[in-house]
Amino acid sequence: MTPDVRNELQARKSVQGAMVEEVQPGSPADNAGLQRGDVIMEVNRHAVKSAAEVAEALSNVPSGQDALVLVWSNGGSTFRVLHPAQG
């Protein structure tokens, strides 16, 4: 995250990760409640610091299995489960 983005989100320096810019309706991210401005900090308990690291970590999840993501949103962190897309 850039300093400008961090300031816009009012995120502490300890919040490291990739900011969600867009969520496709009906996607696994949408179903998990992710929203624009959320910050993905971990995927399956492994820290991520960029969108590329998030994409790589999610691509390593075995087909058909859920992914556990740690998300910072509105001043707090919660775990969310991304279920694989159907079809």
PDB file of N, CA and C in Angstrom:
ATOM      1  N   MET A   1       0.839  -1.181   0.000  1.00  0.00           N
ATOM      2  CA  MET A   1       0.000   0.000   0.000  1.00  0.00           C
ATOM      3  C   MET A   1       0.883   1.242   0.000  1.00  0.00           C
ATOM      4  N   THR A   2       0.475   2.196  -0.766  1.00  0.00           N
ATOM      5  CA  THR A   2       1.204   3.459  -0.792  1.00  0.00           C
ATOM      6  C   THR A   2       0.818   4.282   0.437  1.00  0.00           C
ATOM      7  N   PRO A   3       1.634   5.255   0.809  1.00  0.00           N
ATOM      8  CA  PRO A   3       1.266   6.117   1.936  1.00  0.00           C
ATOM      9  C   PRO A   3      -0.078   6.823   1.728  1.00  0.00           C
ATOM     10  N   ASP A   4      -0.385   7.214   0.498  1.00  0.00           N
ATOM     11  CA  ASP A   4      -1.660   7.874   0.219  1.00  0.00           C
ATOM     12  C   ASP A   4      -2.839   6.936   0.484  1.00  0.00           C
ATOM     13  N   VAL A   5      -2.715   5.689   0.031  1.00  0.00           N
ATOM     14  CA  VAL A   5      -3.785   4.708   0.245  1.00  0.00           C
ATOM     15  C   VAL A   5      -3.934   4.425   1.735  1.00  0.00           C
ATOM     16  N   ARG A   6      -2.805   4.250   2.414  1.00  0.00           N
ATOM     17  CA  ARG A   6      -2.826   3.997   3.856  1.00  0.00           C
ATOM     18  C   ARG A   6      -3.535   5.148   4.578  1.00  0.00           C
ATOM     19  N   ASN A   7      -3.251   6.377   4.190  1.00  0.00           N
ATOM     20  CA  ASN A   7      -3.875   7.545   4.798  1.00  0.00           C
ATOM     21  C   ASN A   7      -5.377   7.575   4.497  1.00  0.00           C
ATOM     22  N   GLU A   8      -5.740   7.278   3.257  1.00  0.00           N
ATOM     23  CA  GLU A   8      -7.145   7.269   2.855  1.00  0.00           C
ATOM     24  C   GLU A   8      -7.942   6.249   3.676  1.00  0.00           C
ATOM     25  N   LEU A   9      -7.344   5.088   3.923  1.00  0.00           N
ATOM     26  CA  LEU A   9      -8.014   4.025   4.672  1.00  0.00           C
ATOM     27  C   LEU A   9      -7.893   4.207   6.182  1.00  0.00           C
ATOM     28  N   GLN A  10      -7.055   5.156   6.583  1.00  0.00           N
ATOM     29  CA  GLN A  10      -6.761   5.376   7.998  1.00  0.00           C
ATOM     30  C   GLN A  10      -6.229   4.098   8.641  1.00  0.00           C
ATOM     31  N   ALA A  11      -5.310   3.441   7.922  1.00  0.00           N
ATOM     32  CA  ALA A  11      -4.727   2.182   8.372  1.00  0.00           C
ATOM     33  C   ALA A  11      -3.393   2.432   9.082  1.00  0.00           C
ATOM     34  N   ARG A  12      -3.193   1.729  10.188  1.00  0.00           N
ATOM     35  CA  ARG A  12      -1.915   1.811  10.902  1.00  0.00           C
ATOM     36  C   ARG A  12      -0.802   1.218  10.045  1.00  0.00           C
ATOM     37  N   LYS A  13       0.445   1.561  10.384  1.00  0.00           N
ATOM     38  CA  LYS A  13       1.587   1.024   9.639  1.00  0.00           C
ATOM     39  C   LYS A  13       1.688  -0.486   9.760  1.00  0.00           C
ATOM     40  N   SER A  14       1.131  -1.048  10.814  1.00  0.00           N
ATOM     41  CA  SER A  14       1.195  -2.498  11.002  1.00  0.00           C
ATOM     42  C   SER A  14       0.291  -3.248  10.014  1.00  0.00           C
ATOM     43  N   VAL A  15      -0.620  -2.528   9.358  1.00  0.00           N
ATOM     44  CA  VAL A  15      -1.499  -3.158   8.364  1.00  0.00           C
ATOM     45  C   VAL A  15      -0.727  -3.247   7.048  1.00  0.00           C
ATOM     46  N   GLN A  16      -0.373  -4.472   6.674  1.00  0.00           N
ATOM     47  CA  GLN A  16       0.373  -4.727   5.443  1.00  0.00           C
ATOM     48  C   GLN A  16      -0.445  -5.673   4.587  1.00  0.00           C
ATOM     49  N   GLY A  17      -0.483  -5.425   3.301  1.00  0.00           N
ATOM     50  CA  GLY A  17      -1.216  -6.325   2.413  1.00  0.00           C
ATOM     51  C   GLY A  17      -1.595  -5.646   1.120  1.00  0.00           C
ATOM     52  N   ALA A  18      -2.622  -6.196   0.481  1.00  0.00           N
ATOM     53  CA  ALA A  18      -3.087  -5.696  -0.811  1.00  0.00           C
ATOM     54  C   ALA A  18      -4.525  -5.195  -0.668  1.00  0.00           C
ATOM     55  N   MET A  19      -4.752  -3.960  -1.100  1.00  0.00           N
ATOM     56  CA  MET A  19      -6.083  -3.380  -1.017  1.00  0.00           C
ATOM     57  C   MET A  19      -6.969  -3.912  -2.137  1.00  0.00           C
ATOM     58  N   VAL A  20      -8.187  -4.252  -1.775  1.00  0.00           N
ATOM     59  CA  VAL A  20      -9.182  -4.705  -2.754  1.00  0.00           C
ATOM     60  C   VAL A  20      -9.682  -3.480  -3.506  1.00  0.00           C
ATOM     61  N   GLU A  21      -9.562  -3.504  -4.825  1.00  0.00           N
ATOM     62  CA  GLU A  21     -10.012  -2.382  -5.636  1.00  0.00           C
ATOM     63  C   GLU A  21     -11.378  -2.619  -6.256  1.00  0.00           C
ATOM     64  N   GLU A  22     -11.698  -3.884  -6.528  1.00  0.00           N
ATOM     65  CA  GLU A  22     -12.966  -4.190  -7.174  1.00  0.00           C
ATOM     66  C   GLU A  22     -13.369  -5.612  -6.803  1.00  0.00           C
ATOM     67  N   VAL A  23     -14.665  -5.822  -6.605  1.00  0.00           N
ATOM     68  CA  VAL A  23     -15.198  -7.153  -6.309  1.00  0.00           C
ATOM     69  C   VAL A  23     -16.300  -7.456  -7.323  1.00  0.00           C
ATOM     70  N   GLN A  24     -16.145  -8.543  -8.044  1.00  0.00           N
ATOM     71  CA  GLN A  24     -17.141  -8.940  -9.029  1.00  0.00           C
ATOM     72  C   GLN A  24     -18.367  -9.528  -8.331  1.00  0.00           C
ATOM     73  N   PRO A  25     -19.566  -9.052  -8.652  1.00  0.00           N
ATOM     74  CA  PRO A  25     -20.782  -9.611  -8.050  1.00  0.00           C
ATOM     75  C   PRO A  25     -20.865 -11.118  -8.284  1.00  0.00           C
ATOM     76  N   GLY A  26     -21.194 -11.865  -7.227  1.00  0.00           N
ATOM     77  CA  GLY A  26     -21.338 -13.309  -7.330  1.00  0.00           C
ATOM     78  C   GLY A  26     -20.035 -14.086  -7.270  1.00  0.00           C
ATOM     79  N   SER A  27     -18.911 -13.392  -7.167  1.00  0.00           N
ATOM     80  CA  SER A  27     -17.607 -14.056  -7.113  1.00  0.00           C
ATOM     81  C   SER A  27     -17.368 -14.618  -5.708  1.00  0.00           C
ATOM     82  N   PRO A  28     -16.369 -15.513  -5.559  1.00  0.00           N
ATOM     83  CA  PRO A  28     -16.024 -15.994  -4.218  1.00  0.00           C
ATOM     84  C   PRO A  28     -15.702 -14.844  -3.251  1.00  0.00           C
ATOM     85  N   ALA A  29     -15.051 -13.806  -3.731  1.00  0.00           N
ATOM     86  CA  ALA A  29     -14.735 -12.652  -2.878  1.00  0.00           C
ATOM     87  C   ALA A  29     -16.008 -11.940  -2.433  1.00  0.00           C
ATOM     88  N   ASP A  30     -16.950 -11.775  -3.349  1.00  0.00           N
ATOM     89  CA  ASP A  30     -18.229 -11.148  -3.026  1.00  0.00           C
ATOM     90  C   ASP A  30     -18.983 -11.996  -2.001  1.00  0.00           C
ATOM     91  N   ASN A  31     -19.009 -13.299  -2.208  1.00  0.00           N
ATOM     92  CA  ASN A  31     -19.700 -14.205  -1.297  1.00  0.00           C
ATOM     93  C   ASN A  31     -19.069 -14.213   0.087  1.00  0.00           C
ATOM     94  N   ALA A  32     -17.779 -13.917   0.177  1.00  0.00           N
ATOM     95  CA  ALA A  32     -17.085 -13.856   1.470  1.00  0.00           C
ATOM     96  C   ALA A  32     -17.242 -12.491   2.134  1.00  0.00           C
ATOM     97  N   GLY A  33     -17.888 -11.549   1.439  1.00  0.00           N
ATOM     98  CA  GLY A  33     -18.129 -10.235   2.014  1.00  0.00           C
ATOM     99  C   GLY A  33     -17.010  -9.231   1.821  1.00  0.00           C
ATOM    100  N   LEU A  34     -16.072  -9.523   0.927  1.00  0.00           N
ATOM    101  CA  LEU A  34     -15.004  -8.552   0.665  1.00  0.00           C
ATOM    102  C   LEU A  34     -15.577  -7.342  -0.057  1.00  0.00           C
ATOM    103  N   GLN A  35     -15.025  -6.178   0.264  1.00  0.00           N
ATOM    104  CA  GLN A  35     -15.491  -4.938  -0.352  1.00  0.00           C
ATOM    105  C   GLN A  35     -14.301  -4.090  -0.766  1.00  0.00           C
ATOM    106  N   ARG A  36     -14.568  -3.156  -1.661  1.00  0.00           N
ATOM    107  CA  ARG A  36     -13.534  -2.203  -2.081  1.00  0.00           C
ATOM    108  C   ARG A  36     -12.999  -1.495  -0.838  1.00  0.00           C
ATOM    109  N   GLY A  37     -11.675  -1.414  -0.726  1.00  0.00           N
ATOM    110  CA  GLY A  37     -11.049  -0.759   0.409  1.00  0.00           C
ATOM    111  C   GLY A  37     -10.592  -1.716   1.495  1.00  0.00           C
ATOM    112  N   ASP A  38     -11.060  -2.974   1.459  1.00  0.00           N
ATOM    113  CA  ASP A  38     -10.558  -3.978   2.395  1.00  0.00           C
ATOM    114  C   ASP A  38      -9.097  -4.269   2.050  1.00  0.00           C
ATOM    115  N   VAL A  39      -8.340  -4.733   3.030  1.00  0.00           N
ATOM    116  CA  VAL A  39      -6.933  -5.076   2.804  1.00  0.00           C
ATOM    117  C   VAL A  39      -6.744  -6.554   3.124  1.00  0.00           C
ATOM    118  N   ILE A  40      -6.308  -7.323   2.129  1.00  0.00           N
ATOM    119  CA  ILE A  40      -6.002  -8.738   2.341  1.00  0.00           C
ATOM    120  C   ILE A  40      -4.585  -8.815   2.889  1.00  0.00           C
ATOM    121  N   MET A  41      -4.470  -9.349   4.112  1.00  0.00           N
ATOM    122  CA  MET A  41      -3.180  -9.411   4.803  1.00  0.00           C
ATOM    123  C   MET A  41      -2.542 -10.804   4.758  1.00  0.00           C
ATOM    124  N   GLU A  42      -3.376 -11.851   4.704  1.00  0.00           N
ATOM    125  CA  GLU A  42      -2.876 -13.230   4.677  1.00  0.00           C
ATOM    126  C   GLU A  42      -3.782 -14.083   3.793  1.00  0.00           C
ATOM    127  N   VAL A  43      -3.174 -15.088   3.184  1.00  0.00           N
ATOM    128  CA  VAL A  43      -3.923 -16.127   2.479  1.00  0.00           C
ATOM    129  C   VAL A  43      -3.446 -17.456   3.045  1.00  0.00           C
ATOM    130  N   ASN A  44      -4.374 -18.223   3.599  1.00  0.00           N
ATOM    131  CA  ASN A  44      -4.044 -19.502   4.226  1.00  0.00           C
ATOM    132  C   ASN A  44      -2.885 -19.379   5.212  1.00  0.00           C
ATOM    133  N   ARG A  45      -2.976 -18.341   6.040  1.00  0.00           N
ATOM    134  CA  ARG A  45      -2.029 -18.067   7.136  1.00  0.00           C
ATOM    135  C   ARG A  45      -0.623 -17.701   6.673  1.00  0.00           C
ATOM    136  N   HIS A  46      -0.495 -17.278   5.411  1.00  0.00           N
ATOM    137  CA  HIS A  46       0.787 -16.782   4.888  1.00  0.00           C
ATOM    138  C   HIS A  46       0.619 -15.305   4.537  1.00  0.00           C
ATOM    139  N   ALA A  47       1.486 -14.477   5.098  1.00  0.00           N
ATOM    140  CA  ALA A  47       1.405 -13.033   4.865  1.00  0.00           C
ATOM    141  C   ALA A  47       1.595 -12.711   3.387  1.00  0.00           C
ATOM    142  N   VAL A  48       0.819 -11.741   2.909  1.00  0.00           N
ATOM    143  CA  VAL A  48       0.946 -11.249   1.534  1.00  0.00           C
ATOM    144  C   VAL A  48       1.069  -9.730   1.596  1.00  0.00           C
ATOM    145  N   LYS A  49       1.829  -9.167   0.671  1.00  0.00           N
ATOM    146  CA  LYS A  49       2.064  -7.726   0.693  1.00  0.00           C
ATOM    147  C   LYS A  49       1.692  -7.027  -0.599  1.00  0.00           C
ATOM    148  N   SER A  50       1.226  -7.786  -1.591  1.00  0.00           N
ATOM    149  CA  SER A  50       0.878  -7.163  -2.866  1.00  0.00           C
ATOM    150  C   SER A  50      -0.220  -7.976  -3.540  1.00  0.00           C
ATOM    151  N   ALA A  51      -0.842  -7.357  -4.528  1.00  0.00           N
ATOM    152  CA  ALA A  51      -1.870  -8.056  -5.295  1.00  0.00           C
ATOM    153  C   ALA A  51      -1.286  -9.287  -5.982  1.00  0.00           C
ATOM    154  N   ALA A  52      -0.044  -9.179  -6.458  1.00  0.00           N
ATOM    155  CA  ALA A  52       0.598 -10.322  -7.113  1.00  0.00           C
ATOM    156  C   ALA A  52       0.780 -11.476  -6.137  1.00  0.00           C
ATOM    157  N   GLU A  53       1.143 -11.174  -4.885  1.00  0.00           N
ATOM    158  CA  GLU A  53       1.311 -12.228  -3.888  1.00  0.00           C
ATOM    159  C   GLU A  53      -0.032 -12.863  -3.528  1.00  0.00           C
ATOM    160  N   VAL A  54      -1.087 -12.058  -3.468  1.00  0.00           N
ATOM    161  CA  VAL A  54      -2.428 -12.604  -3.215  1.00  0.00           C
ATOM    162  C   VAL A  54      -2.812 -13.549  -4.347  1.00  0.00           C
ATOM    163  N   ALA A  55      -2.635 -13.104  -5.589  1.00  0.00           N
ATOM    164  CA  ALA A  55      -2.995 -13.927  -6.750  1.00  0.00           C
ATOM    165  C   ALA A  55      -2.197 -15.229  -6.765  1.00  0.00           C
ATOM    166  N   GLU A  56      -0.909 -15.148  -6.457  1.00  0.00           N
ATOM    167  CA  GLU A  56      -0.070 -16.348  -6.446  1.00  0.00           C
ATOM    168  C   GLU A  56      -0.531 -17.312  -5.350  1.00  0.00           C
ATOM    169  N   ALA A  57      -0.786 -16.786  -4.155  1.00  0.00           N
ATOM    170  CA  ALA A  57      -1.220 -17.630  -3.046  1.00  0.00           C
ATOM    171  C   ALA A  57      -2.550 -18.299  -3.358  1.00  0.00           C
ATOM    172  N   LEU A  58      -3.482 -17.551  -3.948  1.00  0.00           N
ATOM    173  CA  LEU A  58      -4.779 -18.139  -4.292  1.00  0.00           C
ATOM    174  C   LEU A  58      -4.649 -19.165  -5.412  1.00  0.00           C
ATOM    175  N   SER A  59      -3.717 -18.963  -6.335  1.00  0.00           N
ATOM    176  CA  SER A  59      -3.530 -19.924  -7.425  1.00  0.00           C
ATOM    177  C   SER A  59      -2.938 -21.236  -6.912  1.00  0.00           C
ATOM    178  N   ASN A  60      -2.304 -21.197  -5.723  1.00  0.00           N
ATOM    179  CA  ASN A  60      -1.715 -22.404  -5.136  1.00  0.00           C
ATOM    180  C   ASN A  60      -2.707 -23.203  -4.294  1.00  0.00           C
ATOM    181  N   VAL A  61      -3.916 -22.688  -4.118  1.00  0.00           N
ATOM    182  CA  VAL A  61      -4.941 -23.425  -3.379  1.00  0.00           C
ATOM    183  C   VAL A  61      -5.425 -24.564  -4.277  1.00  0.00           C
ATOM    184  N   PRO A  62      -5.401 -25.798  -3.772  1.00  0.00           N
ATOM    185  CA  PRO A  62      -5.847 -26.924  -4.605  1.00  0.00           C
ATOM    186  C   PRO A  62      -7.271 -26.722  -5.108  1.00  0.00           C
ATOM    187  N   SER A  63      -7.513 -27.162  -6.330  1.00  0.00           N
ATOM    188  CA  SER A  63      -8.819 -27.005  -6.968  1.00  0.00           C
ATOM    189  C   SER A  63      -9.923 -27.579  -6.082  1.00  0.00           C
ATOM    190  N   GLY A  64     -10.987 -26.791  -5.920  1.00  0.00           N
ATOM    191  CA  GLY A  64     -12.126 -27.232  -5.143  1.00  0.00           C
ATOM    192  C   GLY A  64     -12.020 -26.986  -3.649  1.00  0.00           C
ATOM    193  N   GLN A  65     -10.880 -26.484  -3.171  1.00  0.00           N
ATOM    194  CA  GLN A  65     -10.711 -26.238  -1.741  1.00  0.00           C
ATOM    195  C   GLN A  65     -10.912 -24.766  -1.410  1.00  0.00           C
ATOM    196  N   ASP A  66     -11.331 -24.511  -0.172  1.00  0.00           N
ATOM    197  CA  ASP A  66     -11.522 -23.149   0.311  1.00  0.00           C
ATOM    198  C   ASP A  66     -10.183 -22.494   0.603  1.00  0.00           C
ATOM    199  N   ALA A  67     -10.175 -21.161   0.613  1.00  0.00           N
ATOM    200  CA  ALA A  67      -9.003 -20.386   1.019  1.00  0.00           C
ATOM    201  C   ALA A  67      -9.407 -19.528   2.212  1.00  0.00           C
ATOM    202  N   LEU A  68      -8.540 -19.485   3.206  1.00  0.00           N
ATOM    203  CA  LEU A  68      -8.762 -18.661   4.385  1.00  0.00           C
ATOM    204  C   LEU A  68      -7.974 -17.368   4.203  1.00  0.00           C
ATOM    205  N   VAL A  69      -8.647 -16.228   4.281  1.00  0.00           N
ATOM    206  CA  VAL A  69      -7.960 -14.948   4.121  1.00  0.00           C
ATOM    207  C   VAL A  69      -8.175 -14.095   5.362  1.00  0.00           C
ATOM    208  N   LEU A  70      -7.116 -13.408   5.772  1.00  0.00           N
ATOM    209  CA  LEU A  70      -7.210 -12.447   6.869  1.00  0.00           C
ATOM    210  C   LEU A  70      -7.381 -11.076   6.233  1.00  0.00           C
ATOM    211  N   VAL A  71      -8.464 -10.405   6.610  1.00  0.00           N
ATOM    212  CA  VAL A  71      -8.833  -9.146   5.977  1.00  0.00           C
ATOM    213  C   VAL A  71      -8.914  -8.047   7.028  1.00  0.00           C
ATOM    214  N   TRP A  72      -8.265  -6.916   6.747  1.00  0.00           N
ATOM    215  CA  TRP A  72      -8.404  -5.723   7.583  1.00  0.00           C
ATOM    216  C   TRP A  72      -9.466  -4.850   6.926  1.00  0.00           C
ATOM    217  N   SER A  73     -10.447  -4.427   7.728  1.00  0.00           N
ATOM    218  CA  SER A  73     -11.528  -3.602   7.208  1.00  0.00           C
ATOM    219  C   SER A  73     -12.069  -2.723   8.322  1.00  0.00           C
ATOM    220  N   ASN A  74     -12.162  -1.439   8.055  1.00  0.00           N
ATOM    221  CA  ASN A  74     -12.758  -0.495   9.014  1.00  0.00           C
ATOM    222  C   ASN A  74     -12.144  -0.579  10.404  1.00  0.00           C
ATOM    223  N   GLY A  75     -10.826  -0.717  10.468  1.00  0.00           N
ATOM    224  CA  GLY A  75     -10.143  -0.677  11.752  1.00  0.00           C
ATOM    225  C   GLY A  75      -9.995  -2.003  12.464  1.00  0.00           C
ATOM    226  N   GLY A  76     -10.482  -3.086  11.882  1.00  0.00           N
ATOM    227  CA  GLY A  76     -10.365  -4.389  12.526  1.00  0.00           C
ATOM    228  C   GLY A  76     -10.042  -5.481  11.531  1.00  0.00           C
ATOM    229  N   SER A  77      -9.541  -6.604  12.053  1.00  0.00           N
ATOM    230  CA  SER A  77      -9.167  -7.732  11.196  1.00  0.00           C
ATOM    231  C   SER A  77     -10.085  -8.917  11.464  1.00  0.00           C
ATOM    232  N   THR A  78     -10.485  -9.586  10.392  1.00  0.00           N
ATOM    233  CA  THR A  78     -11.307 -10.789  10.509  1.00  0.00           C
ATOM    234  C   THR A  78     -10.856 -11.806   9.463  1.00  0.00           C
ATOM    235  N   PHE A  79     -11.094 -13.082   9.781  1.00  0.00           N
ATOM    236  CA  PHE A  79     -10.839 -14.126   8.799  1.00  0.00           C
ATOM    237  C   PHE A  79     -12.096 -14.321   7.961  1.00  0.00           C
ATOM    238  N   ARG A  80     -11.899 -14.528   6.673  1.00  0.00           N
ATOM    239  CA  ARG A  80     -13.001 -14.814   5.752  1.00  0.00           C
ATOM    240  C   ARG A  80     -12.629 -16.079   4.985  1.00  0.00           C
ATOM    241  N   VAL A  81     -13.637 -16.809   4.556  1.00  0.00           N
ATOM    242  CA  VAL A  81     -13.415 -18.028   3.783  1.00  0.00           C
ATOM    243  C   VAL A  81     -13.870 -17.786   2.348  1.00  0.00           C
ATOM    244  N   LEU A  82     -12.961 -18.011   1.411  1.00  0.00           N
ATOM    245  CA  LEU A  82     -13.296 -17.916  -0.007  1.00  0.00           C
ATOM    246  C   LEU A  82     -13.607 -19.327  -0.495  1.00  0.00           C
ATOM    247  N   HIS A  83     -14.847 -19.563  -0.857  1.00  0.00           N
ATOM    248  CA  HIS A  83     -15.247 -20.862  -1.403  1.00  0.00           C
ATOM    249  C   HIS A  83     -14.987 -20.840  -2.899  1.00  0.00           C
ATOM    250  N   PRO A  84     -14.551 -21.956  -3.467  1.00  0.00           N
ATOM    251  CA  PRO A  84     -14.268 -21.967  -4.903  1.00  0.00           C
ATOM    252  C   PRO A  84     -15.520 -21.670  -5.722  1.00  0.00           C
ATOM    253  N   ALA A  85     -15.298 -21.068  -6.867  1.00  0.00           N
ATOM    254  CA  ALA A  85     -16.412 -20.753  -7.770  1.00  0.00           C
ATOM    255  C   ALA A  85     -17.047 -22.055  -8.249  1.00  0.00           C
ATOM    256  N   GLN A  86     -18.347 -22.042  -8.378  1.00  0.00           N
ATOM    257  CA  GLN A  86     -19.074 -23.220  -8.857  1.00  0.00           C
ATOM    258  C   GLN A  86     -19.134 -23.184 -10.377  1.00  0.00           C
ATOM    259  N   GLY A  87     -18.914 -24.353 -10.952  1.00  0.00           N
ATOM    260  CA  GLY A  87     -19.049 -24.461 -12.409  1.00  0.00           C
ATOM    261  C   GLY A  87     -17.823 -24.205 -13.075  1.00  0.00           C
TER     262      GLY A  87
END
